[in-house]
């Protein structure tokens, strides 16, 4: 037993030494964890957009269209930069980034209302930021509701006398909408908690990929064959490496999932102990997956491009931005293969929605099953790759 512990301790020391003496690995860790984490939050720090400049193209030139423009301008979300341009000029303003959207009011805007119909207007938004779309939607909806409240009573003159009196006596229905778990209805509060887990997953996979790729490229992985290629020996190698990764990322998670939500006022209503309980199988499963996937890492650069390429897809695959129930069966299968997907969904429910560990039991159990499966795969992978490199280098 003492011999095995000494073997594990030696591998742990060697792994820490490799990480601390490699500038490329340190750059990925520092850049990915600290810079990447802070950059995302600074981008969405306001969480909501206020006074976004828009141009109004008014072809109606009517009292109704002017009133709609005034209501639009007093909303907190947007500010009407100009309403004295045609559509071509408004497009030029958008191309020069002077406005973020265009509201097009057609010439029959008031005529439709006079005939008892519905008015139509068209909005064009820039895609340079997702928040601009939401702000224009909210502003236009508020302006239309205010306009409807002003002009709807006047429309009763077109109704029969009995119907008009009944409509006038009817009690209005008050609808109060409350955004659950996201009181500001901001994009950052909704997106960032999921992104933080994805950052942990991606950078950890990159770290493992770079180390494993370097070991195979230089042939240094053959040193693990000094005590044979038994499953027990490979299990000690995998366990020692995983210990190093989990210890490092336990510190990084304190920054990403503990300090950043406090600094930027993100939803954090979960039980810290239960969040830690979720992170344990997540970090273990991710480490084992990275070591199992090292079979495909033949150098230290390829993992960076390959893993970073899937960052956007991981958000959708998690089930946070798109319901898991509506996904095709093959994407639902993929959701349960990658540790980041159940971990992201579980973390958002724990941290932002105040769920308990028992309420995310599916995700939690899935992560522990992944730990078992990927640990076995990682051991066999290291047994295969170590033996292959040993044979190719002629080491006995």
Protein backbone atom coordinates (compact mmCIF):
# COMPACT_ATOMS: atom_id res chain seq x y z
CA UNK A 1 0.00 0.00 0.00
CA UNK A 2 2.84 2.34 0.89
CA UNK A 3 4.43 1.59 -2.47
CA UNK A 4 1.25 2.50 -4.33
CA UNK A 5 0.83 5.77 -2.41
CA UNK A 6 4.43 6.71 -3.16
CA UNK A 7 3.80 5.97 -6.84
CA UNK A 8 0.70 8.17 -6.89
CA UNK A 9 2.53 10.97 -5.04
CA UNK A 10 5.35 10.88 -7.60
CA UNK A 11 2.90 11.18 -10.51
CA UNK A 12 1.10 14.05 -8.76
CA UNK A 13 4.38 15.93 -8.25
CA UNK A 14 5.38 15.34 -11.85
CA UNK A 15 2.00 16.58 -13.14
CA UNK A 16 2.19 19.77 -11.08
CA UNK A 17 5.70 20.36 -12.36
CA UNK A 18 4.63 19.97 -15.99
CA UNK A 19 1.77 22.46 -15.53
CA UNK A 20 3.80 25.05 -13.61
CA UNK A 21 6.72 25.04 -16.05
CA UNK A 22 4.74 25.25 -19.29
CA UNK A 23 4.00 28.82 -20.42
CA UNK A 24 1.40 27.70 -22.96
CA UNK A 25 -0.55 25.73 -20.37
CA UNK A 26 -0.38 28.57 -17.86
CA UNK A 27 -1.57 30.98 -20.53
CA UNK A 28 -4.61 28.81 -21.27
CA UNK A 29 -5.42 28.52 -17.57
CA UNK A 30 -4.97 32.20 -16.76
CA UNK A 31 -6.56 33.42 -19.98
CA UNK A 32 -9.36 30.90 -20.00
CA UNK A 33 -10.34 31.14 -16.36
CA UNK A 34 -9.66 34.73 -15.36
CA UNK A 35 -9.67 36.76 -18.58
CA UNK A 36 -12.38 34.72 -20.30
CA UNK A 37 -14.55 34.69 -17.19
CA UNK A 38 -14.23 38.42 -16.54
CA UNK A 39 -14.58 39.36 -20.21
CA UNK A 40 -17.92 37.61 -20.61
CA UNK A 41 -19.30 39.32 -17.53
CA UNK A 42 -18.05 42.77 -18.48
CA UNK A 43 -19.69 42.40 -21.89
CA UNK A 44 -23.09 41.76 -20.28
CA UNK A 45 -22.51 43.75 -17.08
CA UNK A 46 -25.36 46.26 -17.72
CA UNK A 47 -27.65 43.24 -18.26
CA UNK A 48 -30.21 45.51 -19.94
CA UNK A 49 -29.97 48.13 -22.68
CA UNK A 50 -31.13 51.69 -22.11
CA UNK A 51 -31.56 54.54 -24.64
CA UNK A 52 -30.49 52.50 -27.65
CA UNK A 53 -30.56 54.88 -30.67
CA UNK A 54 -33.12 54.03 -33.37
CA UNK A 55 -34.29 55.73 -36.56
CA UNK A 56 -37.98 56.02 -37.44
CA UNK A 57 -38.96 56.01 -41.12
CA UNK A 58 -42.44 57.57 -41.08
CA UNK A 59 -44.26 57.21 -44.39
CA UNK A 60 -47.65 57.81 -42.79
CA UNK A 61 -47.04 61.39 -41.62
CA UNK A 62 -50.22 61.13 -39.56
CA UNK A 63 -51.17 62.09 -36.03
CA UNK A 64 -51.27 58.41 -35.09
CA UNK A 65 -47.75 57.73 -36.38
CA UNK A 66 -46.37 60.83 -34.66
CA UNK A 67 -48.01 59.77 -31.40
CA UNK A 68 -46.51 56.28 -31.76
CA UNK A 69 -43.07 57.85 -32.31
CA UNK A 70 -43.46 59.98 -29.18
CA UNK A 71 -44.45 56.96 -27.09
CA UNK A 72 -41.52 55.01 -28.51
CA UNK A 73 -39.13 57.81 -27.61
CA UNK A 74 -40.21 58.00 -23.96
CA UNK A 75 -39.61 54.29 -23.30
CA UNK A 76 -36.43 53.65 -21.30
CA UNK A 77 -35.16 51.04 -23.75
CA UNK A 78 -34.69 53.19 -26.87
CA UNK A 79 -34.22 56.77 -27.98
CA UNK A 80 -35.47 58.03 -31.34
CA UNK A 81 -32.41 59.58 -32.94
CA UNK A 82 -34.33 60.87 -35.96
CA UNK A 83 -37.69 60.49 -37.69
CA UNK A 84 -36.93 62.71 -40.68
CA UNK A 85 -35.13 60.20 -42.91
CA UNK A 86 -36.16 57.79 -45.62
CA UNK A 87 -35.34 54.09 -45.51
CA UNK A 88 -32.10 54.41 -47.51
CA UNK A 89 -30.78 57.10 -45.18
CA UNK A 90 -31.78 55.01 -42.16
CA UNK A 91 -29.83 52.07 -43.59
CA UNK A 92 -26.77 54.27 -43.93
CA UNK A 93 -27.11 55.31 -40.29
CA UNK A 94 -27.21 51.66 -39.26
CA UNK A 95 -24.19 50.81 -41.40
CA UNK A 96 -22.26 53.61 -39.67
CA UNK A 97 -23.37 52.26 -36.26
CA UNK A 98 -25.18 55.49 -35.44
CA UNK A 99 -28.43 53.59 -34.83
CA UNK A 100 -29.05 50.02 -33.75
CA UNK A 101 -32.46 49.64 -35.36
CA UNK A 102 -35.02 51.03 -37.79
CA UNK A 103 -38.77 51.34 -37.21
CA UNK A 104 -40.60 51.52 -40.54
CA UNK A 105 -44.14 52.97 -40.43
CA UNK A 106 -46.03 52.38 -43.72
CA UNK A 107 -48.27 54.98 -45.34
CA UNK A 108 -51.52 53.16 -44.38
CA UNK A 109 -50.65 53.11 -40.65
CA UNK A 110 -53.57 55.37 -39.64
CA UNK A 111 -55.90 54.27 -42.44
CA UNK A 112 -55.96 50.72 -41.09
CA UNK A 113 -57.07 51.96 -37.68
CA UNK A 114 -59.73 54.20 -39.23
CA UNK A 115 -61.18 51.17 -41.00
CA UNK A 116 -61.29 49.24 -37.72
CA UNK A 117 -58.27 47.10 -38.58
CA UNK A 118 -54.84 46.60 -37.08
CA UNK A 119 -51.91 48.86 -37.83
CA UNK A 120 -48.67 47.34 -39.03
CA UNK A 121 -45.11 48.54 -38.55
CA UNK A 122 -41.81 46.83 -39.37
CA UNK A 123 -38.65 46.72 -37.27
CA UNK A 124 -35.10 46.08 -38.39
CA UNK A 125 -32.41 45.41 -35.78
CA UNK A 126 -28.68 45.07 -35.95
CA UNK A 127 -27.23 41.70 -35.01
CA UNK A 128 -24.13 43.20 -33.40
CA UNK A 129 -25.63 42.52 -29.96
CA UNK A 130 -28.50 40.32 -28.82
CA UNK A 131 -29.63 42.87 -26.25
CA UNK A 132 -30.60 45.43 -28.91
CA UNK A 133 -33.24 43.11 -30.29
CA UNK A 134 -34.83 42.64 -26.89
CA UNK A 135 -34.81 46.37 -26.11
CA UNK A 136 -36.54 47.28 -29.38
CA UNK A 137 -39.14 44.55 -28.90
CA UNK A 138 -39.96 45.77 -25.41
CA UNK A 139 -40.06 49.45 -26.44
CA UNK A 140 -42.28 48.90 -29.48
CA UNK A 141 -44.66 46.68 -27.51
CA UNK A 142 -44.96 49.28 -24.75
CA UNK A 143 -45.56 52.09 -27.27
CA UNK A 144 -48.23 50.08 -29.08
CA UNK A 145 -50.04 49.22 -25.84
CA UNK A 146 -50.04 52.88 -24.80
CA UNK A 147 -51.34 53.91 -28.21
CA UNK A 148 -54.02 51.24 -28.08
CA UNK A 149 -55.15 52.46 -24.67
CA UNK A 150 -55.55 56.00 -26.05
CA UNK A 151 -57.40 55.14 -29.24
CA UNK A 152 -59.41 52.02 -28.35
CA UNK A 153 -62.27 53.91 -26.60
CA UNK A 154 -62.76 56.03 -29.72
CA UNK A 155 -63.26 52.88 -31.79
CA UNK A 156 -66.47 52.02 -29.94
CA UNK A 157 -68.38 54.49 -32.15
CA UNK A 158 -68.23 51.84 -34.89
CA UNK A 159 -69.96 49.26 -32.65
CA UNK A 160 -73.71 48.78 -32.14
CA UNK A 161 -75.07 50.77 -29.20
CA UNK A 162 -75.72 47.67 -27.06
CA UNK A 163 -72.28 46.20 -27.71
CA UNK A 164 -70.61 49.55 -27.01
CA UNK A 165 -72.36 49.90 -23.64
CA UNK A 166 -71.43 46.35 -22.66
CA UNK A 167 -67.81 46.97 -23.65
CA UNK A 168 -67.74 50.20 -21.67
CA UNK A 169 -69.09 48.43 -18.57
CA UNK A 170 -66.66 45.53 -18.81
CA UNK A 171 -63.98 45.41 -16.16
CA UNK A 172 -60.47 45.40 -17.61
CA UNK A 173 -58.24 42.44 -16.84
CA UNK A 174 -54.95 43.37 -15.20
CA UNK A 175 -52.09 41.12 -16.21
CA UNK A 176 -48.95 41.28 -14.11
CA UNK A 177 -45.94 39.45 -15.51
CA UNK A 178 -43.13 38.35 -13.26
CA UNK A 179 -39.90 37.02 -14.72
CA UNK A 180 -39.06 34.02 -12.56
CA UNK A 181 -35.41 33.67 -11.51
CA UNK A 182 -34.36 36.64 -13.70
CA UNK A 183 -35.92 39.79 -12.27
CA UNK A 184 -34.11 42.12 -14.68
CA UNK A 185 -34.98 39.93 -17.67
CA UNK A 186 -31.38 40.55 -18.71
CA UNK A 187 -29.41 38.44 -21.14
CA UNK A 188 -26.42 38.18 -18.84
CA UNK A 189 -28.36 36.83 -15.87
CA UNK A 190 -29.79 34.16 -18.13
CA UNK A 191 -26.65 33.23 -20.07
CA UNK A 192 -23.62 33.72 -17.83
CA UNK A 193 -24.32 31.00 -15.20
CA UNK A 194 -24.41 28.41 -18.00
CA UNK A 195 -21.33 29.87 -19.69
CA UNK A 196 -19.29 29.68 -16.47
CA UNK A 197 -19.73 25.90 -16.30
CA UNK A 198 -18.84 25.61 -20.00
CA UNK A 199 -15.66 27.66 -19.37
CA UNK A 200 -14.65 25.19 -16.65
CA UNK A 201 -15.31 22.24 -18.96
CA UNK A 202 -13.51 23.68 -21.99
CA UNK A 203 -10.41 24.91 -20.20
CA UNK A 204 -10.06 21.64 -18.28
CA UNK A 205 -10.38 19.65 -21.49
CA UNK A 206 -7.81 21.94 -23.13
CA UNK A 207 -5.42 21.49 -20.20
CA UNK A 208 -5.68 17.70 -20.34
CA UNK A 209 -5.45 17.69 -24.12
CA UNK A 210 -2.30 19.82 -24.16
CA UNK A 211 -0.55 17.69 -21.52
CA UNK A 212 -1.61 14.40 -23.11
CA UNK A 213 -0.70 15.59 -26.58
CA UNK A 214 2.74 16.66 -25.41
CA UNK A 215 3.30 13.32 -23.67
CA UNK A 216 2.54 11.40 -26.85
CA UNK A 217 4.45 13.78 -29.11
CA UNK A 218 7.63 13.64 -27.01
CA UNK A 219 7.22 10.01 -25.97
CA UNK A 220 7.34 10.91 -22.27
CA UNK A 221 4.12 8.94 -21.71
CA UNK A 222 6.25 5.80 -21.89
CA UNK A 223 7.52 6.53 -18.36
CA UNK A 224 4.22 5.24 -17.00
CA UNK A 225 5.18 1.77 -18.25
CA UNK A 226 8.10 1.54 -15.81
CA UNK A 227 5.96 -0.56 -13.46
CA UNK A 228 4.09 -2.46 -16.12
CA UNK A 229 0.89 -1.89 -18.07
CA UNK A 230 -1.56 -3.52 -15.71
CA UNK A 231 -5.00 -2.02 -15.17
CA UNK A 232 -4.07 -1.21 -11.57
CA UNK A 233 -0.99 0.73 -12.64
CA UNK A 234 -2.99 2.74 -15.20
CA UNK A 235 -5.70 3.34 -12.59
CA UNK A 236 -3.07 4.92 -10.32
CA UNK A 237 -1.88 7.12 -13.20
CA UNK A 238 -5.41 8.26 -14.00
CA UNK A 239 -6.24 8.83 -10.33
CA UNK A 240 -3.08 10.87 -9.72
CA UNK A 241 -3.61 13.06 -12.77
CA UNK A 242 -7.27 13.57 -11.88
CA UNK A 243 -6.33 14.61 -8.35
CA UNK A 244 -4.14 17.39 -9.76
CA UNK A 245 -6.85 18.65 -12.12
CA UNK A 246 -9.60 18.56 -9.51
CA UNK A 247 -7.46 20.43 -6.96
CA UNK A 248 -6.61 23.14 -9.46
CA UNK A 249 -10.18 23.56 -10.63
CA UNK A 250 -11.55 23.56 -7.12
CA UNK A 251 -9.67 26.86 -6.72
CA UNK A 252 -10.77 28.13 -10.12
CA UNK A 253 -14.41 27.28 -9.38
CA UNK A 254 -14.24 29.40 -6.23
CA UNK A 255 -13.39 32.33 -8.48
CA UNK A 256 -15.75 31.58 -11.38
CA UNK A 257 -18.77 30.28 -9.49
CA UNK A 258 -18.24 31.99 -6.15
CA UNK A 259 -16.66 35.41 -6.62
CA UNK A 260 -17.90 36.41 -10.09
CA UNK A 261 -21.63 36.04 -9.27
CA UNK A 262 -21.07 38.32 -6.26
CA UNK A 263 -19.10 40.89 -8.25
CA UNK A 264 -21.63 41.15 -11.05
CA UNK A 265 -24.85 40.61 -9.12
CA UNK A 266 -25.86 37.43 -10.90
CA UNK A 267 -28.53 35.11 -9.50
CA UNK A 268 -27.00 33.06 -6.68
CA UNK A 269 -29.77 31.72 -4.48
CA UNK A 270 -28.62 28.13 -4.29
CA UNK A 271 -27.19 26.17 -1.39
CA UNK A 272 -23.35 26.37 -1.65
CA UNK A 273 -22.94 22.88 -0.19
CA UNK A 274 -25.22 21.34 -2.84
CA UNK A 275 -23.40 23.23 -5.60
CA UNK A 276 -20.11 21.76 -4.34
CA UNK A 277 -21.71 18.31 -4.31
CA UNK A 278 -22.63 18.80 -7.97
CA UNK A 279 -19.17 20.05 -8.94
CA UNK A 280 -17.40 16.98 -7.50
CA UNK A 281 -18.75 14.45 -10.03
CA UNK A 282 -18.64 17.09 -12.76
CA UNK A 283 -14.90 17.72 -12.34
CA UNK A 284 -14.18 14.01 -11.95
CA UNK A 285 -16.21 13.05 -15.03
CA UNK A 286 -14.63 15.83 -17.10
CA UNK A 287 -11.12 14.79 -16.06
CA UNK A 288 -11.79 11.14 -16.86
CA UNK A 289 -13.36 12.11 -20.20
CA UNK A 290 -10.33 14.24 -21.10
CA UNK A 291 -7.94 11.41 -20.25
CA UNK A 292 -10.07 8.95 -22.24
CA UNK A 293 -10.19 11.35 -25.19
CA UNK A 294 -6.39 11.70 -25.07
CA UNK A 295 -6.37 8.78 -27.49
CA UNK A 296 -7.03 11.37 -30.21
CA UNK A 297 -4.54 14.00 -28.96
CA UNK A 298 -1.26 13.51 -30.78
CA UNK A 299 0.12 17.02 -30.16
CA UNK A 300 -0.46 19.91 -27.76
CA UNK A 301 -2.02 22.38 -30.23
CA UNK A 302 -4.87 20.44 -31.86
CA UNK A 303 -7.02 20.18 -28.69
CA UNK A 304 -7.25 23.98 -28.44
CA UNK A 305 -8.95 24.37 -31.80
CA UNK A 306 -11.04 21.23 -31.57
CA UNK A 307 -12.51 21.94 -28.12
CA UNK A 308 -13.04 25.69 -28.58
CA UNK A 309 -15.00 25.03 -31.78
CA UNK A 310 -17.91 23.48 -29.85
CA UNK A 311 -18.42 26.27 -27.30
CA UNK A 312 -21.68 27.63 -28.76
CA UNK A 313 -23.12 24.16 -29.35
CA UNK A 314 -22.56 23.25 -25.71
CA UNK A 315 -24.90 26.04 -24.58
CA UNK A 316 -27.74 24.64 -26.68
CA UNK A 317 -26.93 21.03 -25.83
CA UNK A 318 -27.21 21.75 -22.12
CA UNK A 319 -30.95 22.36 -22.36
CA UNK A 320 -30.74 25.87 -20.89
CA UNK A 321 -31.34 27.91 -24.04
CA UNK A 322 -33.47 25.29 -25.82
CA UNK A 323 -35.75 22.78 -24.07
CA UNK A 324 -34.28 19.32 -23.86
CA UNK A 325 -37.73 17.80 -24.46
CA UNK A 326 -37.96 19.40 -27.90
CA UNK A 327 -34.57 18.15 -29.10
CA UNK A 328 -34.30 15.22 -31.53
CA UNK A 329 -33.42 11.94 -29.85
CA UNK A 330 -29.80 11.99 -31.02
CA UNK A 331 -29.16 15.39 -29.40
CA UNK A 332 -30.77 14.17 -26.17
CA UNK A 333 -28.37 11.21 -26.26
CA UNK A 334 -25.46 13.61 -26.74
CA UNK A 335 -26.73 15.59 -23.74
CA UNK A 336 -26.16 12.56 -21.51
CA UNK A 337 -22.74 11.73 -23.00
CA UNK A 338 -20.88 14.95 -22.23
CA UNK A 339 -20.52 15.87 -18.52
CA UNK A 340 -20.91 19.59 -19.24
CA UNK A 341 -24.54 19.22 -20.35
CA UNK A 342 -26.13 17.75 -17.19
CA UNK A 343 -23.74 19.80 -15.04
CA UNK A 344 -24.79 23.07 -16.71
CA UNK A 345 -28.48 22.30 -16.44
CA UNK A 346 -28.09 21.20 -12.84
CA UNK A 347 -26.00 24.22 -11.86
CA UNK A 348 -28.46 26.70 -13.36
CA UNK A 349 -31.30 25.05 -11.46
CA UNK A 350 -29.34 25.03 -8.20
CA UNK A 351 -27.79 28.48 -8.38
CA UNK A 352 -30.33 30.57 -10.30
CA UNK A 353 -33.59 28.78 -9.52
CA UNK A 354 -33.03 27.66 -5.94
CA UNK A 355 -33.58 23.96 -6.64
CA UNK A 356 -32.38 21.27 -4.26
CA UNK A 357 -30.05 18.39 -5.04
CA UNK A 358 -32.97 15.96 -5.00
CA UNK A 359 -34.71 18.00 -7.71
CA UNK A 360 -31.76 17.54 -10.07
CA UNK A 361 -31.30 13.86 -9.24
CA UNK A 362 -31.31 12.88 -12.94
CA UNK A 363 -28.39 15.16 -13.73
CA UNK A 364 -26.55 14.23 -10.54
CA UNK A 365 -26.86 10.48 -11.07
CA UNK A 366 -25.89 10.91 -14.74
CA UNK A 367 -22.62 12.59 -13.71
CA UNK A 368 -21.70 9.77 -11.33
CA UNK A 369 -22.44 7.17 -14.01
CA UNK A 370 -20.21 9.12 -16.39
CA UNK A 371 -17.46 9.09 -13.74
CA UNK A 372 -17.50 5.30 -13.62
CA UNK A 373 -17.67 4.80 -17.40
CA UNK A 374 -15.02 7.37 -18.30
CA UNK A 375 -12.66 6.20 -15.54
CA UNK A 376 -12.61 2.71 -17.02
CA UNK A 377 -12.19 4.12 -20.54
CA UNK A 378 -9.37 6.40 -19.37
CA UNK A 379 -7.50 3.47 -17.82
CA UNK A 380 -7.75 1.40 -21.00
CA UNK A 381 -6.81 4.43 -23.12
CA UNK A 382 -3.63 5.05 -21.13
CA UNK A 383 -2.80 1.36 -21.21
CA UNK A 384 -3.11 1.36 -25.00
CA UNK A 385 -1.34 4.65 -25.74
CA UNK A 386 1.46 4.00 -23.24
CA UNK A 387 2.11 0.58 -24.70
CA UNK A 388 1.99 1.92 -28.23
CA UNK A 389 4.47 4.74 -27.56
CA UNK A 390 6.73 2.38 -25.62
CA UNK A 391 6.82 -0.04 -28.51
CA UNK A 392 7.38 2.68 -31.13
CA UNK A 393 10.33 4.12 -29.15
CA UNK A 394 11.84 0.71 -28.55
CA UNK A 395 11.63 0.99 -24.77
CA UNK A 396 11.76 -2.22 -22.78
